[in-house]
Structures are given as structure tokens and as C-alpha cells.
Amino acid sequence: MKRLYPDVTYYENGFIEVGSGHSLYFEQSGNPNGIPVLFIHGGPGAGLPPNYKCFFDSNKYRIVGYEQRGCGRSTPIADTLNNDTWSNVEDIEALRTHLSIPKFLLFGGSWGSTLALLYALKYTPRVTGPVSYTHLRAHETKANL
């Protein structure tokens, strides 16, 4: 069993317009020059869990988290209009481009794993690899990683 890493605060957060009236919330933490990793939350309807950054060594990784269309702080909240699987895949690409990340590791759980795999299939050259995780409750402090 390996202990999870300490939580860190983000060094940047904001919104990116992705079209059709949707604006996605994102944040970055960890090492700005580290290995880029994108955390893709489950759902649909969920948002970033409060402890999602604890999976990564903040000294080694540039940790990017975002909230999908209609989820969390993204707007419009709980909207299903123009909110489909392939739009969500394109949103990942828009975020990657917005943040000037050449390629990143995809880290998804549940529905996030599905989006990660679909993105990796469509944009293979922009992915260093996919990782799927099992949901951890916020109070757990150990996991097999």
C-alpha cells in the first residue's frame, strides 16, 4: 500500500469557453514544468473531488483538473443541451491547446476513464498514456497505486 500525496493548492484557475454556450472550469497545481497530467472526473454530473490532487507527486507533475460540461463550477450547470460524449472529448483537446500542453497523461475514473480512452483513440499523438483509477472516498488515506 502506498500513501497518497499531500493536497496542494492550485497556482492557476479559470474558465475556458468551448462553444455552444459552455464554459469549463479548470485549475493547475503542482510543478508548472512537471509532467502534465489531466485528471478527468467521473459523473456525468459530478465535479472535481476535493482530494483529486493527492494521486500525484506535486514536485514531479503539472496537475490539471477540469469540470466537464454541466458539472461543478462549469456553466451552464446541469445543462444537457450541446452536452454529448464527443463534445466532451473535443473539450479536452481545447483545454490542452489553451494550456499549451504538447501531450499529457490522462487520469480518469468511471465516466472519466471512458472520456480518457475516447480522447486517446482520437488524439493518440497528444497522449503519453491513460490511467484508470477506482474511486476513493475522501477519508481514505491509502491506495494501491
N, C-alpha and C. Protein backbone atom coordinates (compact mmCIF):
# COMPACT_ATOMS: atom_id res chain seq x y z
N MET A 1 0.83 -1.18 0.00
CA MET A 1 0.00 0.00 0.00
C MET A 1 0.88 1.24 0.00
N LYS A 2 0.51 2.21 -0.76
CA LYS A 2 1.26 3.45 -0.83
C LYS A 2 0.39 4.59 -0.31
N ARG A 3 0.99 5.45 0.47
CA ARG A 3 0.27 6.63 0.96
C ARG A 3 0.05 7.60 -0.20
N LEU A 4 -1.07 8.27 -0.15
CA LEU A 4 -1.35 9.30 -1.13
C LEU A 4 -0.52 10.54 -0.81
N TYR A 5 -0.34 11.39 -1.80
CA TYR A 5 0.46 12.60 -1.62
C TYR A 5 -0.36 13.69 -0.92
N PRO A 6 0.32 14.63 -0.26
CA PRO A 6 -0.41 15.73 0.40
C PRO A 6 -1.14 16.59 -0.63
N ASP A 7 -2.26 17.13 -0.22
CA ASP A 7 -3.02 18.02 -1.10
C ASP A 7 -2.24 19.32 -1.27
N VAL A 8 -2.37 19.93 -2.42
CA VAL A 8 -1.72 21.22 -2.69
C VAL A 8 -2.78 22.17 -3.24
N THR A 9 -2.51 23.45 -3.12
CA THR A 9 -3.43 24.44 -3.69
C THR A 9 -3.06 24.68 -5.15
N TYR A 10 -4.01 25.17 -5.88
CA TYR A 10 -3.73 25.45 -7.29
C TYR A 10 -2.96 26.76 -7.44
N TYR A 11 -2.17 26.85 -8.51
CA TYR A 11 -1.45 28.09 -8.81
C TYR A 11 -2.16 28.87 -9.90
N GLU A 12 -3.11 28.24 -10.57
CA GLU A 12 -3.90 28.93 -11.59
C GLU A 12 -5.27 28.27 -11.67
N ASN A 13 -6.30 29.06 -11.84
CA ASN A 13 -7.62 28.54 -12.14
C ASN A 13 -8.33 29.53 -13.04
N GLY A 14 -9.37 29.07 -13.69
CA GLY A 14 -10.10 29.95 -14.59
C GLY A 14 -11.14 29.18 -15.37
N PHE A 15 -11.60 29.80 -16.43
CA PHE A 15 -12.63 29.21 -17.29
C PHE A 15 -12.16 29.28 -18.73
N ILE A 16 -12.58 28.30 -19.51
CA ILE A 16 -12.32 28.30 -20.94
C ILE A 16 -13.65 28.12 -21.66
N GLU A 17 -13.90 29.00 -22.63
CA GLU A 17 -15.11 28.90 -23.44
C GLU A 17 -14.89 27.79 -24.49
N VAL A 18 -15.84 26.85 -24.56
CA VAL A 18 -15.69 25.73 -25.51
C VAL A 18 -16.79 25.71 -26.56
N GLY A 19 -17.62 26.75 -26.58
CA GLY A 19 -18.66 26.84 -27.60
C GLY A 19 -20.01 26.34 -27.13
N SER A 20 -21.02 26.64 -27.91
CA SER A 20 -22.40 26.23 -27.62
C SER A 20 -22.87 26.70 -26.25
N GLY A 21 -22.31 27.82 -25.79
CA GLY A 21 -22.71 28.39 -24.51
C GLY A 21 -22.09 27.75 -23.29
N HIS A 22 -21.11 26.87 -23.49
CA HIS A 22 -20.48 26.17 -22.37
C HIS A 22 -19.13 26.79 -22.02
N SER A 23 -18.89 26.90 -20.73
CA SER A 23 -17.63 27.41 -20.19
C SER A 23 -17.16 26.41 -19.13
N LEU A 24 -15.93 25.94 -19.28
CA LEU A 24 -15.39 24.91 -18.38
C LEU A 24 -14.46 25.51 -17.34
N TYR A 25 -14.65 25.10 -16.10
CA TYR A 25 -13.74 25.48 -15.03
C TYR A 25 -12.52 24.57 -15.08
N PHE A 26 -11.31 25.15 -14.88
CA PHE A 26 -10.09 24.35 -14.80
C PHE A 26 -9.18 24.93 -13.73
N GLU A 27 -8.25 24.09 -13.27
CA GLU A 27 -7.21 24.56 -12.36
C GLU A 27 -5.94 23.77 -12.59
N GLN A 28 -4.80 24.40 -12.25
CA GLN A 28 -3.50 23.76 -12.36
C GLN A 28 -2.79 23.85 -11.01
N SER A 29 -2.11 22.79 -10.66
CA SER A 29 -1.33 22.77 -9.42
C SER A 29 -0.08 21.94 -9.65
N GLY A 30 0.75 21.88 -8.62
CA GLY A 30 1.98 21.11 -8.74
C GLY A 30 3.09 21.91 -9.38
N ASN A 31 3.93 21.22 -10.14
CA ASN A 31 5.10 21.81 -10.78
C ASN A 31 4.74 22.30 -12.19
N PRO A 32 4.75 23.61 -12.44
CA PRO A 32 4.41 24.12 -13.77
C PRO A 32 5.28 23.56 -14.89
N ASN A 33 6.48 23.08 -14.56
CA ASN A 33 7.38 22.49 -15.54
C ASN A 33 7.41 20.96 -15.45
N GLY A 34 6.50 20.40 -14.68
CA GLY A 34 6.48 18.95 -14.48
C GLY A 34 5.78 18.21 -15.60
N ILE A 35 5.64 16.92 -15.42
CA ILE A 35 4.95 16.05 -16.38
C ILE A 35 3.47 16.40 -16.36
N PRO A 36 2.90 16.82 -17.48
CA PRO A 36 1.49 17.19 -17.49
C PRO A 36 0.58 15.97 -17.34
N VAL A 37 -0.35 16.06 -16.40
CA VAL A 37 -1.35 15.02 -16.20
C VAL A 37 -2.72 15.69 -16.09
N LEU A 38 -3.71 15.13 -16.79
CA LEU A 38 -5.06 15.66 -16.75
C LEU A 38 -5.94 14.71 -15.95
N PHE A 39 -6.52 15.22 -14.87
CA PHE A 39 -7.46 14.46 -14.06
C PHE A 39 -8.85 14.64 -14.67
N ILE A 40 -9.49 13.53 -15.06
CA ILE A 40 -10.83 13.56 -15.66
C ILE A 40 -11.79 12.88 -14.69
N HIS A 41 -12.64 13.68 -14.07
CA HIS A 41 -13.55 13.16 -13.04
C HIS A 41 -14.64 12.28 -13.62
N GLY A 42 -15.26 11.52 -12.74
CA GLY A 42 -16.40 10.70 -13.11
C GLY A 42 -17.65 11.54 -13.24
N GLY A 43 -18.73 10.89 -13.32
CA GLY A 43 -20.00 11.60 -13.48
C GLY A 43 -20.88 10.78 -14.40
N PRO A 44 -21.51 11.34 -15.36
CA PRO A 44 -21.63 12.78 -15.55
C PRO A 44 -22.42 13.42 -14.41
N GLY A 45 -22.18 14.69 -14.23
CA GLY A 45 -22.86 15.45 -13.19
C GLY A 45 -21.98 15.76 -12.01
N ALA A 46 -20.93 14.98 -11.82
CA ALA A 46 -20.01 15.23 -10.70
C ALA A 46 -19.09 16.39 -11.06
N GLY A 47 -18.19 16.70 -10.17
CA GLY A 47 -17.16 17.70 -10.44
C GLY A 47 -15.85 17.17 -9.91
N LEU A 48 -14.88 18.03 -9.78
CA LEU A 48 -13.59 17.61 -9.22
C LEU A 48 -13.77 17.24 -7.75
N PRO A 49 -13.33 16.04 -7.36
CA PRO A 49 -13.39 15.70 -5.94
C PRO A 49 -12.37 16.54 -5.17
N PRO A 50 -12.62 16.83 -3.91
CA PRO A 50 -11.72 17.71 -3.17
C PRO A 50 -10.29 17.18 -3.03
N ASN A 51 -10.11 15.87 -3.11
CA ASN A 51 -8.78 15.30 -2.88
C ASN A 51 -8.12 14.77 -4.15
N TYR A 52 -8.55 15.21 -5.33
CA TYR A 52 -8.04 14.59 -6.56
C TYR A 52 -6.54 14.78 -6.77
N LYS A 53 -5.94 15.83 -6.24
CA LYS A 53 -4.51 16.10 -6.46
C LYS A 53 -3.61 15.17 -5.66
N CYS A 54 -4.17 14.46 -4.69
CA CYS A 54 -3.36 13.61 -3.82
C CYS A 54 -2.84 12.35 -4.52
N PHE A 55 -3.27 12.11 -5.75
CA PHE A 55 -2.76 10.97 -6.51
C PHE A 55 -1.37 11.24 -7.10
N PHE A 56 -0.94 12.49 -7.09
CA PHE A 56 0.26 12.89 -7.83
C PHE A 56 1.28 13.57 -6.95
N ASP A 57 2.55 13.29 -7.22
CA ASP A 57 3.65 13.98 -6.56
C ASP A 57 3.73 15.38 -7.16
N SER A 58 3.39 16.39 -6.37
CA SER A 58 3.32 17.76 -6.89
C SER A 58 4.69 18.32 -7.28
N ASN A 59 5.75 17.66 -6.88
CA ASN A 59 7.08 18.08 -7.31
C ASN A 59 7.40 17.60 -8.73
N LYS A 60 6.74 16.53 -9.15
CA LYS A 60 7.03 15.92 -10.45
C LYS A 60 5.98 16.20 -11.51
N TYR A 61 4.75 16.49 -11.09
CA TYR A 61 3.65 16.60 -12.05
C TYR A 61 3.07 18.01 -12.12
N ARG A 62 2.69 18.39 -13.32
CA ARG A 62 1.85 19.57 -13.56
C ARG A 62 0.42 19.01 -13.59
N ILE A 63 -0.31 19.22 -12.54
CA ILE A 63 -1.62 18.60 -12.35
C ILE A 63 -2.71 19.54 -12.86
N VAL A 64 -3.44 19.06 -13.85
CA VAL A 64 -4.54 19.83 -14.42
C VAL A 64 -5.84 19.10 -14.10
N GLY A 65 -6.79 19.84 -13.54
CA GLY A 65 -8.13 19.30 -13.30
C GLY A 65 -9.13 20.22 -13.97
N TYR A 66 -10.22 19.66 -14.43
CA TYR A 66 -11.27 20.49 -15.03
C TYR A 66 -12.62 19.85 -14.74
N GLU A 67 -13.66 20.64 -14.89
CA GLU A 67 -15.01 20.13 -14.68
C GLU A 67 -15.75 20.15 -16.02
N GLN A 68 -16.29 18.99 -16.35
CA GLN A 68 -16.91 18.78 -17.65
C GLN A 68 -18.16 19.64 -17.84
N ARG A 69 -18.66 19.67 -19.05
CA ARG A 69 -19.88 20.42 -19.37
C ARG A 69 -21.00 20.07 -18.38
N GLY A 70 -21.60 21.11 -17.84
CA GLY A 70 -22.74 20.94 -16.93
C GLY A 70 -22.37 20.48 -15.54
N CYS A 71 -21.09 20.38 -15.21
CA CYS A 71 -20.65 19.83 -13.93
C CYS A 71 -19.94 20.87 -13.07
N GLY A 72 -20.04 20.71 -11.76
CA GLY A 72 -19.29 21.53 -10.82
C GLY A 72 -19.47 23.01 -11.05
N ARG A 73 -18.34 23.70 -11.25
CA ARG A 73 -18.34 25.15 -11.47
C ARG A 73 -18.47 25.54 -12.93
N SER A 74 -18.47 24.55 -13.82
CA SER A 74 -18.64 24.86 -15.24
C SER A 74 -20.07 25.34 -15.48
N THR A 75 -20.23 26.15 -16.53
CA THR A 75 -21.55 26.71 -16.81
C THR A 75 -21.97 26.40 -18.24
N PRO A 76 -23.25 26.31 -18.48
CA PRO A 76 -24.35 26.34 -17.52
C PRO A 76 -24.41 25.04 -16.73
N ILE A 77 -24.74 25.12 -15.47
CA ILE A 77 -24.76 23.96 -14.58
C ILE A 77 -25.92 23.03 -14.94
N ALA A 78 -25.63 21.74 -14.93
CA ALA A 78 -26.61 20.68 -15.16
C ALA A 78 -27.33 20.80 -16.51
N ASP A 79 -26.70 21.45 -17.47
CA ASP A 79 -27.30 21.62 -18.79
C ASP A 79 -26.89 20.46 -19.69
N THR A 80 -27.88 19.84 -20.33
CA THR A 80 -27.58 18.73 -21.23
C THR A 80 -27.65 19.14 -22.70
N LEU A 81 -28.03 20.39 -22.97
CA LEU A 81 -28.07 20.87 -24.34
C LEU A 81 -26.63 21.03 -24.85
N ASN A 82 -26.35 20.48 -26.02
CA ASN A 82 -25.00 20.51 -26.60
C ASN A 82 -23.98 19.88 -25.66
N ASN A 83 -24.40 18.85 -24.95
CA ASN A 83 -23.54 18.16 -23.99
C ASN A 83 -23.59 16.67 -24.31
N ASP A 84 -22.65 16.25 -25.14
CA ASP A 84 -22.60 14.85 -25.55
C ASP A 84 -21.15 14.35 -25.45
N THR A 85 -20.98 13.08 -25.64
CA THR A 85 -19.67 12.45 -25.46
C THR A 85 -18.60 13.11 -26.31
N TRP A 86 -18.85 13.28 -27.60
CA TRP A 86 -17.81 13.79 -28.49
C TRP A 86 -17.53 15.27 -28.25
N SER A 87 -18.51 16.02 -27.78
CA SER A 87 -18.24 17.40 -27.38
C SER A 87 -17.30 17.42 -26.19
N ASN A 88 -17.49 16.49 -25.26
CA ASN A 88 -16.60 16.40 -24.09
C ASN A 88 -15.19 16.01 -24.50
N VAL A 89 -15.05 15.14 -25.48
CA VAL A 89 -13.72 14.78 -25.99
C VAL A 89 -13.05 16.01 -26.61
N GLU A 90 -13.80 16.77 -27.39
CA GLU A 90 -13.24 17.98 -28.01
C GLU A 90 -12.89 19.02 -26.96
N ASP A 91 -13.62 19.04 -25.85
CA ASP A 91 -13.30 19.96 -24.76
C ASP A 91 -11.92 19.68 -24.18
N ILE A 92 -11.56 18.41 -24.07
CA ILE A 92 -10.23 18.05 -23.57
C ILE A 92 -9.16 18.60 -24.51
N GLU A 93 -9.40 18.47 -25.80
CA GLU A 93 -8.44 18.99 -26.78
C GLU A 93 -8.36 20.52 -26.70
N ALA A 94 -9.49 21.18 -26.51
CA ALA A 94 -9.50 22.64 -26.38
C ALA A 94 -8.71 23.06 -25.13
N LEU A 95 -8.87 22.33 -24.05
CA LEU A 95 -8.14 22.65 -22.82
C LEU A 95 -6.64 22.44 -23.00
N ARG A 96 -6.27 21.33 -23.64
CA ARG A 96 -4.85 21.06 -23.90
C ARG A 96 -4.23 22.19 -24.71
N THR A 97 -4.93 22.62 -25.74
CA THR A 97 -4.45 23.71 -26.59
C THR A 97 -4.37 25.02 -25.81
N HIS A 98 -5.40 25.32 -25.04
CA HIS A 98 -5.45 26.55 -24.25
C HIS A 98 -4.27 26.65 -23.29
N LEU A 99 -3.90 25.53 -22.70
CA LEU A 99 -2.81 25.49 -21.72
C LEU A 99 -1.44 25.25 -22.36
N SER A 100 -1.39 25.16 -23.68
CA SER A 100 -0.14 24.94 -24.42
C SER A 100 0.62 23.71 -23.94
N ILE A 101 -0.11 22.62 -23.78
CA ILE A 101 0.49 21.35 -23.36
C ILE A 101 0.64 20.47 -24.61
N PRO A 102 1.87 20.09 -24.98
CA PRO A 102 2.05 19.27 -26.17
C PRO A 102 1.37 17.89 -26.07
N LYS A 103 1.53 17.23 -24.92
CA LYS A 103 0.87 15.94 -24.67
C LYS A 103 0.77 15.76 -23.17
N PHE A 104 -0.23 14.98 -22.77
CA PHE A 104 -0.36 14.74 -21.34
C PHE A 104 -0.81 13.33 -21.03
N LEU A 105 -0.58 12.95 -19.78
CA LEU A 105 -1.04 11.70 -19.22
C LEU A 105 -2.50 11.92 -18.83
N LEU A 106 -3.36 10.97 -19.18
CA LEU A 106 -4.78 11.08 -18.85
C LEU A 106 -5.08 10.18 -17.67
N PHE A 107 -5.72 10.73 -16.66
CA PHE A 107 -6.01 10.01 -15.41
C PHE A 107 -7.50 10.14 -15.16
N GLY A 108 -8.25 9.07 -15.47
CA GLY A 108 -9.69 9.15 -15.36
C GLY A 108 -10.29 8.04 -14.53
N GLY A 109 -11.41 8.36 -13.92
CA GLY A 109 -12.15 7.38 -13.13
C GLY A 109 -13.58 7.30 -13.60
N SER A 110 -14.12 6.09 -13.64
CA SER A 110 -15.51 5.88 -14.01
C SER A 110 -15.77 6.50 -15.39
N TRP A 111 -16.72 7.41 -15.50
CA TRP A 111 -17.00 8.07 -16.77
C TRP A 111 -15.76 8.78 -17.31
N GLY A 112 -14.92 9.28 -16.43
CA GLY A 112 -13.68 9.93 -16.84
C GLY A 112 -12.75 8.98 -17.58
N SER A 113 -12.77 7.70 -17.21
CA SER A 113 -11.97 6.69 -17.93
C SER A 113 -12.45 6.54 -19.36
N THR A 114 -13.76 6.58 -19.54
CA THR A 114 -14.33 6.48 -20.88
C THR A 114 -13.89 7.67 -21.73
N LEU A 115 -14.00 8.87 -21.18
CA LEU A 115 -13.55 10.05 -21.92
C LEU A 115 -12.07 9.99 -22.23
N ALA A 116 -11.27 9.53 -21.27
CA ALA A 116 -9.82 9.41 -21.48
C ALA A 116 -9.52 8.46 -22.63
N LEU A 117 -10.18 7.32 -22.65
CA LEU A 117 -9.92 6.35 -23.73
C LEU A 117 -10.37 6.88 -25.09
N LEU A 118 -11.53 7.53 -25.13
CA LEU A 118 -12.00 8.08 -26.41
C LEU A 118 -11.07 9.18 -26.91
N TYR A 119 -10.62 10.04 -25.99
CA TYR A 119 -9.68 11.09 -26.38
C TYR A 119 -8.38 10.46 -26.89
N ALA A 120 -7.88 9.45 -26.18
CA ALA A 120 -6.63 8.79 -26.57
C ALA A 120 -6.75 8.12 -27.93
N LEU A 121 -7.92 7.58 -28.24
CA LEU A 121 -8.12 6.98 -29.56
C LEU A 121 -8.12 8.03 -30.67
N LYS A 122 -8.75 9.16 -30.41
CA LYS A 122 -8.84 10.19 -31.44
C LYS A 122 -7.56 11.03 -31.54
N TYR A 123 -6.92 11.28 -30.41
CA TYR A 123 -5.75 12.17 -30.38
C TYR A 123 -4.52 11.45 -29.83
N THR A 124 -4.27 10.27 -30.32
CA THR A 124 -3.18 9.43 -29.83
C THR A 124 -1.83 10.15 -29.71
N PRO A 125 -1.41 10.94 -30.71
CA PRO A 125 -0.10 11.60 -30.59
C PRO A 125 -0.01 12.61 -29.44
N ARG A 126 -1.14 13.00 -28.88
CA ARG A 126 -1.14 14.02 -27.82
C ARG A 126 -1.26 13.42 -26.42
N VAL A 127 -1.12 12.09 -26.34
CA VAL A 127 -1.30 11.38 -25.07
C VAL A 127 -0.05 10.58 -24.75
N THR A 128 0.47 10.76 -23.52
CA THR A 128 1.60 9.93 -23.09
C THR A 128 1.13 8.60 -22.53
N GLY A 129 -0.14 8.53 -22.12
CA GLY A 129 -0.71 7.29 -21.65
C GLY A 129 -1.99 7.53 -20.88
N PRO A 130 -2.85 6.49 -20.78
CA PRO A 130 -4.06 6.59 -19.96
C PRO A 130 -3.90 5.81 -18.66
N VAL A 131 -4.51 6.32 -17.58
CA VAL A 131 -4.54 5.64 -16.30
C VAL A 131 -5.99 5.66 -15.82
N SER A 132 -6.48 4.52 -15.38
CA SER A 132 -7.83 4.44 -14.83
C SER A 132 -7.70 4.19 -13.33
N TYR A 133 -8.54 4.83 -12.54
CA TYR A 133 -8.49 4.65 -11.10
C TYR A 133 -9.85 4.22 -10.57
N THR A 134 -9.84 3.62 -9.40
CA THR A 134 -11.05 3.28 -8.69
C THR A 134 -11.33 4.39 -7.71
N HIS A 135 -12.57 4.81 -7.63
CA HIS A 135 -12.95 5.92 -6.76
C HIS A 135 -12.55 5.65 -5.32
N LEU A 136 -11.94 6.65 -4.69
CA LEU A 136 -11.60 6.60 -3.28
C LEU A 136 -12.47 7.58 -2.53
N ARG A 137 -12.95 7.18 -1.38
CA ARG A 137 -13.69 8.11 -0.55
C ARG A 137 -12.72 9.14 0.02
N ALA A 138 -13.20 10.31 0.28
CA ALA A 138 -12.34 11.42 0.72
C ALA A 138 -11.58 11.10 2.00
N HIS A 139 -12.11 10.23 2.85
CA HIS A 139 -11.44 9.96 4.13
C HIS A 139 -10.37 8.88 4.03
N GLU A 140 -10.27 8.19 2.89
CA GLU A 140 -9.25 7.14 2.77
C GLU A 140 -7.88 7.78 2.57
N THR A 141 -6.86 7.16 3.15
CA THR A 141 -5.52 7.72 3.04
C THR A 141 -4.54 6.78 2.36
N LYS A 142 -4.97 5.59 1.99
CA LYS A 142 -4.07 4.65 1.33
C LYS A 142 -4.74 4.08 0.11
N ALA A 143 -3.96 3.72 -0.89
CA ALA A 143 -4.47 3.11 -2.11
C ALA A 143 -3.36 2.32 -2.76
N ASN A 144 -3.76 1.38 -3.59
CA ASN A 144 -2.78 0.68 -4.43
C ASN A 144 -2.58 1.53 -5.66
N LEU A 145 -1.43 2.13 -5.77
CA LEU A 145 -1.14 2.97 -6.94
C LEU A 145 0.07 2.43 -7.67
